[in-house]
Amino acid sequence: MSDIKTNYGLLINKDIKLVGCKEFVPIIESNNYENLDKYVDLYLKDLTDRDLIVLGCTHYPIIKDKISNYLGD
């Protein structure tokens, strides 16, 4: 992972932060969104000043509106 951060960070001249959101997939697959707000806050609270977010899992577009609303986009 550090090679990805280094190589792409240098390529686009940006600091890259990788964030693992391990609870998102089980929430989406179980179709039980009761705790989603808690985990969106937990994982994304430090990303509010970002230039770009890449959703690195095929499950995440299902909750992209929740993520976008949280980040103010």
N, C-alpha and C. Protein backbone atom coordinates (compact mmCIF):
# COMPACT_ATOMS: atom_id res chain seq x y z
N MET A 1 0.81 -1.20 0.00
CA MET A 1 0.00 0.00 0.00
C MET A 1 0.85 1.26 0.00
N SER A 2 1.97 1.25 0.69
CA SER A 2 2.77 2.46 0.74
C SER A 2 3.34 2.81 -0.63
N ASP A 3 3.62 1.81 -1.47
CA ASP A 3 4.08 2.08 -2.84
C ASP A 3 3.00 2.79 -3.64
N ILE A 4 1.77 2.37 -3.47
CA ILE A 4 0.65 3.02 -4.16
C ILE A 4 0.57 4.48 -3.72
N LYS A 5 0.61 4.71 -2.43
CA LYS A 5 0.55 6.08 -1.92
C LYS A 5 1.70 6.91 -2.46
N THR A 6 2.90 6.36 -2.43
CA THR A 6 4.08 7.10 -2.89
C THR A 6 4.01 7.37 -4.38
N ASN A 7 3.78 6.35 -5.17
CA ASN A 7 3.78 6.50 -6.63
C ASN A 7 2.67 7.43 -7.11
N TYR A 8 1.46 7.22 -6.67
CA TYR A 8 0.37 8.07 -7.13
C TYR A 8 0.42 9.45 -6.51
N GLY A 9 0.86 9.53 -5.28
CA GLY A 9 1.00 10.83 -4.65
C GLY A 9 1.98 11.72 -5.39
N LEU A 10 3.10 11.14 -5.81
CA LEU A 10 4.07 11.90 -6.59
C LEU A 10 3.52 12.25 -7.97
N LEU A 11 2.80 11.32 -8.56
CA LEU A 11 2.25 11.53 -9.90
C LEU A 11 1.27 12.71 -9.92
N ILE A 12 0.42 12.80 -8.93
CA ILE A 12 -0.59 13.87 -8.92
C ILE A 12 -0.23 15.00 -7.97
N ASN A 13 0.94 14.91 -7.34
CA ASN A 13 1.42 15.94 -6.44
C ASN A 13 0.43 16.21 -5.30
N LYS A 14 -0.10 15.15 -4.73
CA LYS A 14 -1.04 15.26 -3.62
C LYS A 14 -0.67 14.24 -2.54
N ASP A 15 -1.04 14.54 -1.33
CA ASP A 15 -0.90 13.59 -0.24
C ASP A 15 -2.11 12.65 -0.31
N ILE A 16 -1.86 11.36 -0.28
CA ILE A 16 -2.93 10.37 -0.38
C ILE A 16 -3.11 9.69 0.96
N LYS A 17 -4.36 9.59 1.38
CA LYS A 17 -4.69 8.92 2.63
C LYS A 17 -5.57 7.72 2.31
N LEU A 18 -5.12 6.53 2.66
CA LEU A 18 -5.91 5.32 2.47
C LEU A 18 -6.67 5.04 3.75
N VAL A 19 -7.98 4.79 3.61
CA VAL A 19 -8.82 4.54 4.76
C VAL A 19 -9.56 3.23 4.54
N GLY A 20 -9.34 2.27 5.41
CA GLY A 20 -10.08 1.01 5.35
C GLY A 20 -11.41 1.17 6.08
N CYS A 21 -12.47 0.79 5.41
CA CYS A 21 -13.82 0.92 5.98
C CYS A 21 -14.44 -0.47 6.09
N LYS A 22 -13.86 -1.28 6.94
CA LYS A 22 -14.20 -2.71 6.97
C LYS A 22 -15.65 -3.01 7.36
N GLU A 23 -16.34 -2.12 7.98
CA GLU A 23 -17.73 -2.38 8.38
C GLU A 23 -18.74 -2.06 7.27
N PHE A 24 -18.32 -1.32 6.25
CA PHE A 24 -19.27 -0.95 5.20
C PHE A 24 -19.82 -2.16 4.46
N VAL A 25 -18.96 -3.08 4.04
CA VAL A 25 -19.42 -4.23 3.24
C VAL A 25 -20.42 -5.10 4.01
N PRO A 26 -20.15 -5.49 5.27
CA PRO A 26 -21.15 -6.28 6.00
C PRO A 26 -22.49 -5.55 6.16
N ILE A 27 -22.43 -4.24 6.36
CA ILE A 27 -23.67 -3.47 6.49
C ILE A 27 -24.45 -3.52 5.18
N ILE A 28 -23.76 -3.32 4.08
CA ILE A 28 -24.43 -3.31 2.77
C ILE A 28 -24.95 -4.71 2.43
N GLU A 29 -24.13 -5.73 2.64
CA GLU A 29 -24.55 -7.08 2.29
C GLU A 29 -25.69 -7.60 3.14
N SER A 30 -25.78 -7.14 4.38
CA SER A 30 -26.87 -7.56 5.25
C SER A 30 -28.13 -6.73 5.03
N ASN A 31 -27.97 -5.63 4.28
CA ASN A 31 -29.09 -4.71 4.02
C ASN A 31 -29.66 -4.15 5.33
N ASN A 32 -28.79 -4.04 6.33
CA ASN A 32 -29.17 -3.49 7.63
C ASN A 32 -28.35 -2.22 7.85
N TYR A 33 -28.94 -1.09 7.59
CA TYR A 33 -28.24 0.19 7.62
C TYR A 33 -28.37 0.93 8.95
N GLU A 34 -28.81 0.23 9.96
CA GLU A 34 -29.05 0.83 11.27
C GLU A 34 -27.81 1.54 11.83
N ASN A 35 -26.63 0.96 11.67
CA ASN A 35 -25.40 1.54 12.23
C ASN A 35 -24.55 2.27 11.19
N LEU A 36 -25.07 2.47 9.99
CA LEU A 36 -24.28 3.07 8.93
C LEU A 36 -23.79 4.47 9.31
N ASP A 37 -24.65 5.30 9.86
CA ASP A 37 -24.24 6.67 10.23
C ASP A 37 -23.05 6.67 11.18
N LYS A 38 -23.06 5.75 12.13
CA LYS A 38 -21.97 5.65 13.09
C LYS A 38 -20.64 5.36 12.38
N TYR A 39 -20.66 4.44 11.43
CA TYR A 39 -19.42 4.08 10.74
C TYR A 39 -19.00 5.09 9.69
N VAL A 40 -19.97 5.74 9.06
CA VAL A 40 -19.61 6.83 8.14
C VAL A 40 -18.86 7.90 8.91
N ASP A 41 -19.35 8.27 10.07
CA ASP A 41 -18.66 9.27 10.89
C ASP A 41 -17.29 8.76 11.33
N LEU A 42 -17.21 7.53 11.79
CA LEU A 42 -15.96 6.97 12.27
C LEU A 42 -14.88 6.98 11.19
N TYR A 43 -15.23 6.53 10.00
CA TYR A 43 -14.23 6.39 8.94
C TYR A 43 -13.95 7.67 8.18
N LEU A 44 -14.91 8.56 8.07
CA LEU A 44 -14.77 9.70 7.17
C LEU A 44 -14.59 11.04 7.86
N LYS A 45 -14.62 11.08 9.17
CA LYS A 45 -14.56 12.36 9.87
C LYS A 45 -13.28 13.14 9.58
N ASP A 46 -12.20 12.47 9.25
CA ASP A 46 -10.93 13.16 8.96
C ASP A 46 -10.75 13.49 7.48
N LEU A 47 -11.78 13.25 6.67
CA LEU A 47 -11.65 13.46 5.23
C LEU A 47 -12.46 14.65 4.72
N THR A 48 -12.92 15.49 5.60
CA THR A 48 -13.80 16.58 5.17
C THR A 48 -13.07 17.66 4.38
N ASP A 49 -11.75 17.71 4.41
CA ASP A 49 -11.01 18.74 3.67
C ASP A 49 -10.29 18.15 2.46
N ARG A 50 -10.80 17.09 1.91
CA ARG A 50 -10.16 16.38 0.82
C ARG A 50 -10.50 17.00 -0.53
N ASP A 51 -9.65 16.70 -1.52
CA ASP A 51 -9.91 17.11 -2.89
C ASP A 51 -10.68 16.05 -3.66
N LEU A 52 -10.46 14.80 -3.30
CA LEU A 52 -11.02 13.68 -4.06
C LEU A 52 -11.18 12.47 -3.16
N ILE A 53 -12.28 11.76 -3.33
CA ILE A 53 -12.50 10.50 -2.63
C ILE A 53 -12.68 9.43 -3.71
N VAL A 54 -11.96 8.33 -3.58
CA VAL A 54 -12.11 7.20 -4.49
C VAL A 54 -12.78 6.08 -3.70
N LEU A 55 -13.93 5.63 -4.16
CA LEU A 55 -14.61 4.52 -3.52
C LEU A 55 -14.00 3.23 -4.06
N GLY A 56 -13.17 2.60 -3.24
CA GLY A 56 -12.37 1.48 -3.71
C GLY A 56 -13.00 0.12 -3.54
N CYS A 57 -14.29 0.03 -3.61
CA CYS A 57 -14.99 -1.25 -3.49
C CYS A 57 -16.27 -1.17 -4.31
N THR A 58 -16.62 -2.27 -4.95
CA THR A 58 -17.84 -2.27 -5.76
C THR A 58 -19.11 -2.13 -4.93
N HIS A 59 -19.03 -2.34 -3.62
CA HIS A 59 -20.18 -2.18 -2.74
C HIS A 59 -20.46 -0.70 -2.44
N TYR A 60 -19.43 0.13 -2.42
CA TYR A 60 -19.56 1.49 -1.89
C TYR A 60 -20.49 2.40 -2.69
N PRO A 61 -20.63 2.25 -4.00
CA PRO A 61 -21.60 3.11 -4.70
C PRO A 61 -23.03 2.99 -4.16
N ILE A 62 -23.33 1.90 -3.50
CA ILE A 62 -24.66 1.72 -2.91
C ILE A 62 -24.89 2.76 -1.82
N ILE A 63 -23.83 3.17 -1.14
CA ILE A 63 -23.97 4.17 -0.07
C ILE A 63 -23.32 5.50 -0.44
N LYS A 64 -23.05 5.72 -1.72
CA LYS A 64 -22.35 6.94 -2.12
C LYS A 64 -23.13 8.21 -1.76
N ASP A 65 -24.46 8.17 -1.81
CA ASP A 65 -25.24 9.35 -1.42
C ASP A 65 -25.04 9.68 0.06
N LYS A 66 -25.00 8.65 0.89
CA LYS A 66 -24.76 8.85 2.33
C LYS A 66 -23.37 9.46 2.55
N ILE A 67 -22.37 8.94 1.83
CA ILE A 67 -21.01 9.45 1.93
C ILE A 67 -20.95 10.90 1.44
N SER A 68 -21.55 11.16 0.31
CA SER A 68 -21.56 12.50 -0.27
C SER A 68 -22.25 13.50 0.65
N ASN A 69 -23.38 13.11 1.20
CA ASN A 69 -24.10 14.00 2.13
C ASN A 69 -23.27 14.29 3.37
N TYR A 70 -22.58 13.28 3.88
CA TYR A 70 -21.76 13.46 5.07
C TYR A 70 -20.62 14.45 4.80
N LEU A 71 -20.02 14.32 3.63
CA LEU A 71 -18.87 15.16 3.29
C LEU A 71 -19.28 16.51 2.75
N GLY A 72 -20.55 16.73 2.55
CA GLY A 72 -21.02 18.05 2.13
C GLY A 72 -20.97 18.29 0.64
N ASP A 73 -21.03 17.24 -0.14
CA ASP A 73 -21.02 17.39 -1.59
C ASP A 73 -22.41 17.18 -2.16
